[in-house]
PDB file of all heavy atoms in Angstrom:
ATOM      1  N   PHE A   1     -23.299 -38.783 -65.113  1.00  0.00           N
ATOM      2  CA  PHE A   1     -23.993 -40.061 -64.993  1.00  0.00           C
ATOM      3  C   PHE A   1     -25.456 -39.852 -64.614  1.00  0.00           C
ATOM      4  O   PHE A   1     -26.322 -40.595 -65.064  1.00  0.00           O
ATOM      5  CB  PHE A   1     -23.285 -40.980 -63.994  1.00  0.00           C
ATOM      6  CG  PHE A   1     -22.171 -41.768 -64.629  1.00  0.00           C
ATOM      7  CD1 PHE A   1     -20.888 -41.254 -64.691  1.00  0.00           C
ATOM      8  CD2 PHE A   1     -22.408 -43.017 -65.172  1.00  0.00           C
ATOM      9  CE1 PHE A   1     -19.864 -41.967 -65.280  1.00  0.00           C
ATOM     10  CE2 PHE A   1     -21.393 -43.742 -65.766  1.00  0.00           C
ATOM     11  CZ  PHE A   1     -20.114 -43.214 -65.825  1.00  0.00           C
ATOM     12  N   ARG A   2     -25.732 -38.845 -63.798  1.00  0.00           N
ATOM     13  CA  ARG A   2     -27.124 -38.533 -63.462  1.00  0.00           C
ATOM     14  C   ARG A   2     -27.914 -38.166 -64.719  1.00  0.00           C
ATOM     15  O   ARG A   2     -29.066 -38.556 -64.873  1.00  0.00           O
ATOM     16  CB  ARG A   2     -27.194 -37.385 -62.450  1.00  0.00           C
ATOM     17  CG  ARG A   2     -26.851 -37.795 -61.048  1.00  0.00           C
ATOM     18  CD  ARG A   2     -27.097 -36.648 -60.058  1.00  0.00           C
ATOM     19  NE  ARG A   2     -26.327 -36.892 -58.867  1.00  0.00           N
ATOM     20  CZ  ARG A   2     -25.183 -36.277 -58.558  1.00  0.00           C
ATOM     21  NH1 ARG A   2     -24.694 -35.345 -59.354  1.00  0.00           N
ATOM     22  NH2 ARG A   2     -24.530 -36.578 -57.458  1.00  0.00           N
ATOM     23  N   GLN A   3     -27.282 -37.410 -65.593  1.00  0.00           N
ATOM     24  CA  GLN A   3     -27.941 -37.017 -66.839  1.00  0.00           C
ATOM     25  C   GLN A   3     -28.221 -38.227 -67.735  1.00  0.00           C
ATOM     26  O   GLN A   3     -29.089 -38.170 -68.598  1.00  0.00           O
ATOM     27  CB  GLN A   3     -27.089 -35.992 -67.594  1.00  0.00           C
ATOM     28  CG  GLN A   3     -26.994 -34.671 -66.884  1.00  0.00           C
ATOM     29  CD  GLN A   3     -25.977 -33.735 -67.509  1.00  0.00           C
ATOM     30  OE1 GLN A   3     -25.348 -34.043 -68.518  1.00  0.00           O
ATOM     31  NE2 GLN A   3     -25.795 -32.571 -66.901  1.00  0.00           N
ATOM     32  N   GLN A   4     -27.500 -39.323 -67.501  1.00  0.00           N
ATOM     33  CA  GLN A   4     -27.693 -40.547 -68.272  1.00  0.00           C
ATOM     34  C   GLN A   4     -28.635 -41.513 -67.555  1.00  0.00           C
ATOM     35  O   GLN A   4     -28.803 -42.645 -67.979  1.00  0.00           O
ATOM     36  CB  GLN A   4     -26.347 -41.225 -68.530  1.00  0.00           C
ATOM     37  CG  GLN A   4     -25.394 -40.392 -69.348  1.00  0.00           C
ATOM     38  CD  GLN A   4     -24.004 -40.982 -69.401  1.00  0.00           C
ATOM     39  OE1 GLN A   4     -23.778 -42.137 -69.067  1.00  0.00           O
ATOM     40  NE2 GLN A   4     -23.040 -40.185 -69.823  1.00  0.00           N
ATOM     41  N   GLY A   5     -29.221 -41.075 -66.447  1.00  0.00           N
ATOM     42  CA  GLY A   5     -30.231 -41.873 -65.769  1.00  0.00           C
ATOM     43  C   GLY A   5     -29.761 -42.678 -64.576  1.00  0.00           C
ATOM     44  O   GLY A   5     -30.544 -43.418 -63.992  1.00  0.00           O
ATOM     45  N   LEU A   6     -28.494 -42.547 -64.182  1.00  0.00           N
ATOM     46  CA  LEU A   6     -27.987 -43.253 -63.001  1.00  0.00           C
ATOM     47  C   LEU A   6     -27.977 -42.272 -61.835  1.00  0.00           C
ATOM     48  O   LEU A   6     -27.267 -41.265 -61.876  1.00  0.00           O
ATOM     49  CB  LEU A   6     -26.576 -43.792 -63.255  1.00  0.00           C
ATOM     50  CG  LEU A   6     -25.923 -44.549 -62.100  1.00  0.00           C
ATOM     51  CD1 LEU A   6     -26.703 -45.825 -61.770  1.00  0.00           C
ATOM     52  CD2 LEU A   6     -24.478 -44.879 -62.425  1.00  0.00           C
ATOM     53  N   GLU A   7     -28.777 -42.539 -60.817  1.00  0.00           N
ATOM     54  CA  GLU A   7     -28.803 -41.657 -59.646  1.00  0.00           C
ATOM     55  C   GLU A   7     -27.544 -41.919 -58.828  1.00  0.00           C
ATOM     56  O   GLU A   7     -27.356 -43.015 -58.307  1.00  0.00           O
ATOM     57  CB  GLU A   7     -30.048 -41.907 -58.804  1.00  0.00           C
ATOM     58  CG  GLU A   7     -30.166 -40.975 -57.625  1.00  0.00           C
ATOM     59  CD  GLU A   7     -30.142 -39.501 -58.007  1.00  0.00           C
ATOM     60  OE1 GLU A   7     -30.730 -39.132 -59.036  1.00  0.00           O
ATOM     61  OE2 GLU A   7     -29.518 -38.722 -57.265  1.00  0.00           O
ATOM     62  N   VAL A   8     -26.696 -40.917 -58.724  1.00  0.00           N
ATOM     63  CA  VAL A   8     -25.413 -41.056 -58.033  1.00  0.00           C
ATOM     64  C   VAL A   8     -25.403 -40.152 -56.808  1.00  0.00           C
ATOM     65  O   VAL A   8     -25.671 -38.954 -56.906  1.00  0.00           O
ATOM     66  CB  VAL A   8     -24.231 -40.682 -58.959  1.00  0.00           C
ATOM     67  CG1 VAL A   8     -22.906 -40.816 -58.225  1.00  0.00           C
ATOM     68  CG2 VAL A   8     -24.239 -41.530 -60.221  1.00  0.00           C
ATOM     69  N   VAL A   9     -25.073 -40.735 -55.670  1.00  0.00           N
ATOM     70  CA  VAL A   9     -24.846 -39.986 -54.438  1.00  0.00           C
ATOM     71  C   VAL A   9     -23.346 -40.034 -54.198  1.00  0.00           C
ATOM     72  O   VAL A   9     -22.766 -41.120 -54.121  1.00  0.00           O
ATOM     73  CB  VAL A   9     -25.606 -40.609 -53.250  1.00  0.00           C
ATOM     74  CG1 VAL A   9     -25.271 -39.875 -51.963  1.00  0.00           C
ATOM     75  CG2 VAL A   9     -27.097 -40.588 -53.511  1.00  0.00           C
ATOM     76  N   ALA A  10     -22.711 -38.866 -54.100  1.00  0.00           N
ATOM     77  CA  ALA A  10     -21.260 -38.819 -53.941  1.00  0.00           C
ATOM     78  C   ALA A  10     -20.890 -38.106 -52.651  1.00  0.00           C
ATOM     79  O   ALA A  10     -21.394 -37.025 -52.356  1.00  0.00           O
ATOM     80  CB  ALA A  10     -20.612 -38.125 -55.132  1.00  0.00           C
ATOM     81  N   SER A  11     -20.005 -38.734 -51.892  1.00  0.00           N
ATOM     82  CA  SER A  11     -19.469 -38.157 -50.668  1.00  0.00           C
ATOM     83  C   SER A  11     -17.950 -38.260 -50.746  1.00  0.00           C
ATOM     84  O   SER A  11     -17.408 -39.363 -50.819  1.00  0.00           O
ATOM     85  CB  SER A  11     -20.000 -38.923 -49.457  1.00  0.00           C
ATOM     86  OG  SER A  11     -19.362 -38.470 -48.286  1.00  0.00           O
ATOM     87  N   ILE A  12     -17.291 -37.117 -50.753  1.00  0.00           N
ATOM     88  CA  ILE A  12     -15.845 -37.097 -50.947  1.00  0.00           C
ATOM     89  C   ILE A  12     -15.212 -36.276 -49.834  1.00  0.00           C
ATOM     90  O   ILE A  12     -15.591 -35.127 -49.604  1.00  0.00           O
ATOM     91  CB  ILE A  12     -15.484 -36.510 -52.319  1.00  0.00           C
ATOM     92  CG1 ILE A  12     -16.184 -37.314 -53.414  1.00  0.00           C
ATOM     93  CG2 ILE A  12     -13.978 -36.498 -52.528  1.00  0.00           C
ATOM     94  CD1 ILE A  12     -16.167 -36.662 -54.765  1.00  0.00           C
ATOM     95  N   ASP A  13     -14.260 -36.875 -49.150  1.00  0.00           N
ATOM     96  CA  ASP A  13     -13.553 -36.198 -48.061  1.00  0.00           C
ATOM     97  C   ASP A  13     -12.058 -36.457 -48.222  1.00  0.00           C
ATOM     98  O   ASP A  13     -11.535 -37.457 -47.761  1.00  0.00           O
ATOM     99  CB  ASP A  13     -14.045 -36.709 -46.707  1.00  0.00           C
ATOM    100  CG  ASP A  13     -13.346 -36.018 -45.542  1.00  0.00           C
ATOM    101  OD1 ASP A  13     -12.714 -34.958 -45.750  1.00  0.00           O
ATOM    102  OD2 ASP A  13     -13.427 -36.547 -44.426  1.00  0.00           O
ATOM    103  N   LEU A  14     -11.392 -35.556 -48.938  1.00  0.00           N
ATOM    104  CA  LEU A  14      -9.949 -35.651 -49.140  1.00  0.00           C
ATOM    105  C   LEU A  14      -9.241 -34.646 -48.249  1.00  0.00           C
ATOM    106  O   LEU A  14      -9.717 -33.525 -48.068  1.00  0.00           O
ATOM    107  CB  LEU A  14      -9.596 -35.405 -50.611  1.00  0.00           C
ATOM    108  CG  LEU A  14     -10.176 -36.418 -51.593  1.00  0.00           C
ATOM    109  CD1 LEU A  14      -9.947 -35.969 -53.028  1.00  0.00           C
ATOM    110  CD2 LEU A  14      -9.565 -37.781 -51.356  1.00  0.00           C
ATOM    111  N   ALA A  15      -8.115 -35.032 -47.706  1.00  0.00           N
ATOM    112  CA  ALA A  15      -7.404 -34.206 -46.722  1.00  0.00           C
ATOM    113  C   ALA A  15      -7.044 -32.826 -47.271  1.00  0.00           C
ATOM    114  O   ALA A  15      -7.242 -31.814 -46.605  1.00  0.00           O
ATOM    115  CB  ALA A  15      -6.157 -34.924 -46.218  1.00  0.00           C
ATOM    116  N   TYR A  16      -6.543 -32.765 -48.499  1.00  0.00           N
ATOM    117  CA  TYR A  16      -6.146 -31.472 -49.064  1.00  0.00           C
ATOM    118  C   TYR A  16      -7.354 -30.567 -49.243  1.00  0.00           C
ATOM    119  O   TYR A  16      -7.333 -29.394 -48.874  1.00  0.00           O
ATOM    120  CB  TYR A  16      -5.425 -31.665 -50.397  1.00  0.00           C
ATOM    121  CG  TYR A  16      -5.170 -30.367 -51.131  1.00  0.00           C
ATOM    122  CD1 TYR A  16      -4.140 -29.529 -50.730  1.00  0.00           C
ATOM    123  CD2 TYR A  16      -5.974 -29.958 -52.184  1.00  0.00           C
ATOM    124  CE1 TYR A  16      -3.912 -28.322 -51.377  1.00  0.00           C
ATOM    125  CE2 TYR A  16      -5.753 -28.758 -52.834  1.00  0.00           C
ATOM    126  CZ  TYR A  16      -4.720 -27.946 -52.427  1.00  0.00           C
ATOM    127  OH  TYR A  16      -4.505 -26.745 -53.067  1.00  0.00           O
ATOM    128  N   GLU A  17      -8.413 -31.110 -49.808  1.00  0.00           N
ATOM    129  CA  GLU A  17      -9.579 -30.288 -50.093  1.00  0.00           C
ATOM    130  C   GLU A  17     -10.343 -29.941 -48.822  1.00  0.00           C
ATOM    131  O   GLU A  17     -11.082 -28.979 -48.791  1.00  0.00           O
ATOM    132  CB  GLU A  17     -10.449 -30.968 -51.146  1.00  0.00           C
ATOM    133  CG  GLU A  17      -9.716 -30.968 -52.484  1.00  0.00           C
ATOM    134  CD  GLU A  17     -10.440 -31.668 -53.600  1.00  0.00           C
ATOM    135  OE1 GLU A  17     -11.392 -32.408 -53.338  1.00  0.00           O
ATOM    136  OE2 GLU A  17     -10.025 -31.475 -54.744  1.00  0.00           O
ATOM    137  N   GLY A  18     -10.137 -30.721 -47.761  1.00  0.00           N
ATOM    138  CA  GLY A  18     -10.720 -30.398 -46.467  1.00  0.00           C
ATOM    139  C   GLY A  18      -9.792 -29.552 -45.618  1.00  0.00           C
ATOM    140  O   GLY A  18     -10.029 -29.343 -44.434  1.00  0.00           O
ATOM    141  N   GLU A  19      -8.690 -29.095 -46.225  1.00  0.00           N
ATOM    142  CA  GLU A  19      -7.680 -28.245 -45.591  1.00  0.00           C
ATOM    143  C   GLU A  19      -7.026 -28.887 -44.375  1.00  0.00           C
ATOM    144  O   GLU A  19      -6.600 -28.219 -43.449  1.00  0.00           O
ATOM    145  CB  GLU A  19      -8.275 -26.875 -45.259  1.00  0.00           C
ATOM    146  CG  GLU A  19      -8.737 -26.130 -46.486  1.00  0.00           C
ATOM    147  CD  GLU A  19      -9.312 -24.754 -46.182  1.00  0.00           C
ATOM    148  OE1 GLU A  19      -9.355 -24.350 -45.004  1.00  0.00           O
ATOM    149  OE2 GLU A  19      -9.723 -24.087 -47.142  1.00  0.00           O
ATOM    150  N   ARG A  20      -6.925 -30.234 -44.391  1.00  0.00           N
ATOM    151  CA  ARG A  20      -6.221 -30.941 -43.324  1.00  0.00           C
ATOM    152  C   ARG A  20      -4.800 -31.305 -43.744  1.00  0.00           C
ATOM    153  O   ARG A  20      -4.042 -31.844 -42.958  1.00  0.00           O
ATOM    154  CB  ARG A  20      -6.995 -32.208 -42.930  1.00  0.00           C
ATOM    155  CG  ARG A  20      -8.356 -31.926 -42.325  1.00  0.00           C
ATOM    156  CD  ARG A  20      -9.063 -33.187 -41.867  1.00  0.00           C
ATOM    157  NE  ARG A  20      -9.048 -34.286 -42.807  1.00  0.00           N
ATOM    158  CZ  ARG A  20      -9.935 -34.463 -43.803  1.00  0.00           C
ATOM    159  NH1 ARG A  20     -10.900 -33.571 -43.999  1.00  0.00           N
ATOM    160  NH2 ARG A  20      -9.858 -35.507 -44.591  1.00  0.00           N
ATOM    161  N   HIS A  21      -4.486 -31.030 -44.994  1.00  0.00           N
ATOM    162  CA  HIS A  21      -3.145 -31.314 -45.510  1.00  0.00           C
ATOM    163  C   HIS A  21      -2.776 -30.189 -46.468  1.00  0.00           C
ATOM    164  O   HIS A  21      -3.627 -29.662 -47.179  1.00  0.00           O
ATOM    165  CB  HIS A  21      -3.146 -32.663 -46.237  1.00  0.00           C
ATOM    166  CG  HIS A  21      -1.778 -33.206 -46.457  1.00  0.00           C
ATOM    167  ND1 HIS A  21      -1.018 -32.856 -47.534  1.00  0.00           N
ATOM    168  CD2 HIS A  21      -1.042 -34.061 -45.726  1.00  0.00           C
ATOM    169  CE1 HIS A  21       0.142 -33.480 -47.471  1.00  0.00           C
ATOM    170  NE2 HIS A  21       0.156 -34.220 -46.376  1.00  0.00           N
ATOM    171  N   ARG A  22      -1.504 -29.824 -46.497  1.00  0.00           N
ATOM    172  CA  ARG A  22      -1.088 -28.667 -47.288  1.00  0.00           C
ATOM    173  C   ARG A  22      -0.853 -28.979 -48.758  1.00  0.00           C
ATOM    174  O   ARG A  22      -0.832 -28.076 -49.584  1.00  0.00           O
ATOM    175  CB  ARG A  22       0.178 -28.063 -46.706  1.00  0.00           C
ATOM    176  CG  ARG A  22      -0.045 -27.444 -45.348  1.00  0.00           C
ATOM    177  CD  ARG A  22       1.173 -26.757 -44.842  1.00  0.00           C
ATOM    178  NE  ARG A  22       2.295 -27.691 -44.821  1.00  0.00           N
ATOM    179  CZ  ARG A  22       3.548 -27.360 -44.570  1.00  0.00           C
ATOM    180  NH1 ARG A  22       3.842 -26.117 -44.325  1.00  0.00           N
ATOM    181  NH2 ARG A  22       4.496 -28.260 -44.552  1.00  0.00           N
ATOM    182  N   HIS A  23      -0.629 -30.232 -49.104  1.00  0.00           N
ATOM    183  CA  HIS A  23      -0.254 -30.572 -50.474  1.00  0.00           C
ATOM    184  C   HIS A  23      -1.259 -31.514 -51.118  1.00  0.00           C
ATOM    185  O   HIS A  23      -1.771 -32.422 -50.471  1.00  0.00           O
ATOM    186  CB  HIS A  23       1.129 -31.236 -50.499  1.00  0.00           C
ATOM    187  CG  HIS A  23       2.192 -30.386 -49.886  1.00  0.00           C
ATOM    188  ND1 HIS A  23       2.701 -29.264 -50.511  1.00  0.00           N
ATOM    189  CD2 HIS A  23       2.821 -30.477 -48.695  1.00  0.00           C
ATOM    190  CE1 HIS A  23       3.607 -28.714 -49.728  1.00  0.00           C
ATOM    191  NE2 HIS A  23       3.702 -29.429 -48.611  1.00  0.00           N
ATOM    192  N   ARG A  24      -1.491 -31.275 -52.402  1.00  0.00           N
ATOM    193  CA  ARG A  24      -2.328 -32.191 -53.178  1.00  0.00           C
ATOM    194  C   ARG A  24      -1.538 -33.453 -53.477  1.00  0.00           C
ATOM    195  O   ARG A  24      -0.313 -33.476 -53.415  1.00  0.00           O
ATOM    196  CB  ARG A  24      -2.716 -31.546 -54.511  1.00  0.00           C
ATOM    197  CG  ARG A  24      -3.811 -30.523 -54.370  1.00  0.00           C
ATOM    198  CD  ARG A  24      -4.149 -29.863 -55.668  1.00  0.00           C
ATOM    199  NE  ARG A  24      -4.658 -30.810 -56.662  1.00  0.00           N
ATOM    200  CZ  ARG A  24      -5.176 -30.432 -57.812  1.00  0.00           C
ATOM    201  NH1 ARG A  24      -5.260 -29.163 -58.127  1.00  0.00           N
ATOM    202  NH2 ARG A  24      -5.611 -31.329 -58.660  1.00  0.00           N
TER     203      ARG A  24
END
């Protein structure tokens, strides 16, 4: 979307990817 001209700020905090949960 940035390449298409929309400035996107993304903040993602998922338990699995933050190693707070063992399963996706």
